[in-house]
Amino acid sequence: MTTTIEKEFRSLTVAERVNLVEELWEQVAAEPEALPVPDWQIKELERRRRLFQANPQRAIPWPQAKAQILKRHAKRLIENPGRGLT
């Protein structure tokens, strides 16, 4: 069953839908405390913190990590520029 909101959303142009989604995301992002963090994500963050604390010299700055990721996935990014690293 399609709701009225869904029908109205589908009647918008693509540009209008994108604008609406951006506005909605800004409202959601303004209240991060309202979004629950899943248990699996908390466990993963804890695991990564323990790894870092055990061996902090292995950490690398974000620009260096980003460069390594882009280099590793450059071919896919060139072949599918609009898809990112998904």
Protein backbone atom coordinates (compact mmCIF):
# COMPACT_ATOMS: atom_id res chain seq x y z
CA MET A 1 0.00 0.00 0.00
CA THR A 2 1.45 3.36 -1.03
CA THR A 3 1.04 6.23 1.38
CA THR A 4 0.14 9.78 0.43
CA ILE A 5 3.66 10.90 1.27
CA GLU A 6 5.12 8.28 -1.07
CA LYS A 7 2.79 9.33 -3.87
CA GLU A 8 3.72 12.98 -3.39
CA PHE A 9 7.42 12.09 -3.27
CA ARG A 10 7.17 10.16 -6.54
CA SER A 11 5.46 13.12 -8.19
CA LEU A 12 8.49 15.34 -7.56
CA THR A 13 11.26 15.78 -10.11
CA VAL A 14 14.55 14.03 -9.40
CA ALA A 15 16.14 17.35 -8.44
CA GLU A 16 13.28 18.10 -6.03
CA ARG A 17 13.61 14.62 -4.49
CA VAL A 18 17.35 15.10 -4.00
CA ASN A 19 16.75 18.47 -2.34
CA LEU A 20 14.12 16.96 -0.05
CA VAL A 21 16.40 14.08 0.93
CA GLU A 22 19.21 16.54 1.69
CA GLU A 23 16.89 18.61 3.88
CA LEU A 24 15.67 15.50 5.68
CA TRP A 25 19.24 14.32 6.27
CA GLU A 26 20.23 17.70 7.70
CA GLN A 27 17.37 17.43 10.19
CA VAL A 28 18.36 13.88 11.16
CA ALA A 29 22.04 14.82 11.46
CA ALA A 30 21.13 17.72 13.75
CA GLU A 31 20.03 15.17 16.38
CA PRO A 32 22.70 12.44 16.36
CA GLU A 33 21.83 11.42 19.92
CA ALA A 34 18.40 10.32 18.67
CA LEU A 35 19.94 7.65 16.44
CA PRO A 36 20.71 4.39 18.19
CA VAL A 37 24.13 2.86 17.61
CA PRO A 38 23.81 -0.86 16.85
CA ASP A 39 25.59 -3.28 19.18
CA TRP A 40 27.74 -4.64 16.34
CA GLN A 41 29.03 -1.14 15.63
CA ILE A 42 29.87 -0.47 19.28
CA LYS A 43 31.74 -3.79 19.46
CA GLU A 44 33.68 -2.99 16.30
CA LEU A 45 34.66 0.46 17.60
CA GLU A 46 35.78 -1.09 20.88
CA ARG A 47 37.82 -3.70 19.00
CA ARG A 48 39.52 -1.01 16.92
CA ARG A 49 40.24 1.11 20.00
CA ARG A 50 41.89 -1.88 21.70
CA LEU A 51 44.03 -2.50 18.59
CA PHE A 52 45.10 1.13 18.51
CA GLN A 53 45.87 1.25 22.23
CA ALA A 54 47.93 -1.92 21.97
CA ASN A 55 49.97 -0.59 19.05
CA PRO A 56 49.47 3.17 18.46
CA GLN A 57 52.53 3.47 16.18
CA ARG A 58 50.70 1.42 13.54
CA ALA A 59 48.12 4.18 13.07
CA ILE A 60 48.53 6.39 10.03
CA PRO A 61 47.13 9.86 9.33
CA TRP A 62 43.83 10.04 7.42
CA PRO A 63 45.35 11.63 4.26
CA GLN A 64 47.79 8.72 4.01
CA ALA A 65 45.08 6.13 4.63
CA LYS A 66 42.82 7.78 2.04
CA ALA A 67 45.62 7.79 -0.53
CA GLN A 68 46.22 4.07 0.07
CA ILE A 69 42.51 3.29 -0.32
CA LEU A 70 42.23 5.33 -3.52
CA LYS A 71 45.34 3.70 -4.96
CA ARG A 72 44.03 0.24 -4.11
CA HIS A 73 40.67 0.94 -5.76
CA ALA A 74 41.74 3.35 -8.53
CA LYS A 75 40.80 1.04 -11.41
CA ARG A 76 37.26 0.50 -10.12
CA LEU A 77 36.84 4.23 -9.44
CA ILE A 78 37.95 5.08 -12.98
CA GLU A 79 35.65 2.46 -14.53
CA ASN A 80 32.64 3.51 -12.39
CA PRO A 81 33.20 7.15 -11.39
CA GLY A 82 29.70 7.71 -10.01
CA ARG A 83 29.68 4.63 -7.77
CA GLY A 84 32.43 5.46 -5.31
CA LEU A 85 33.91 2.58 -3.33
CA THR A 86 30.70 0.61 -2.87
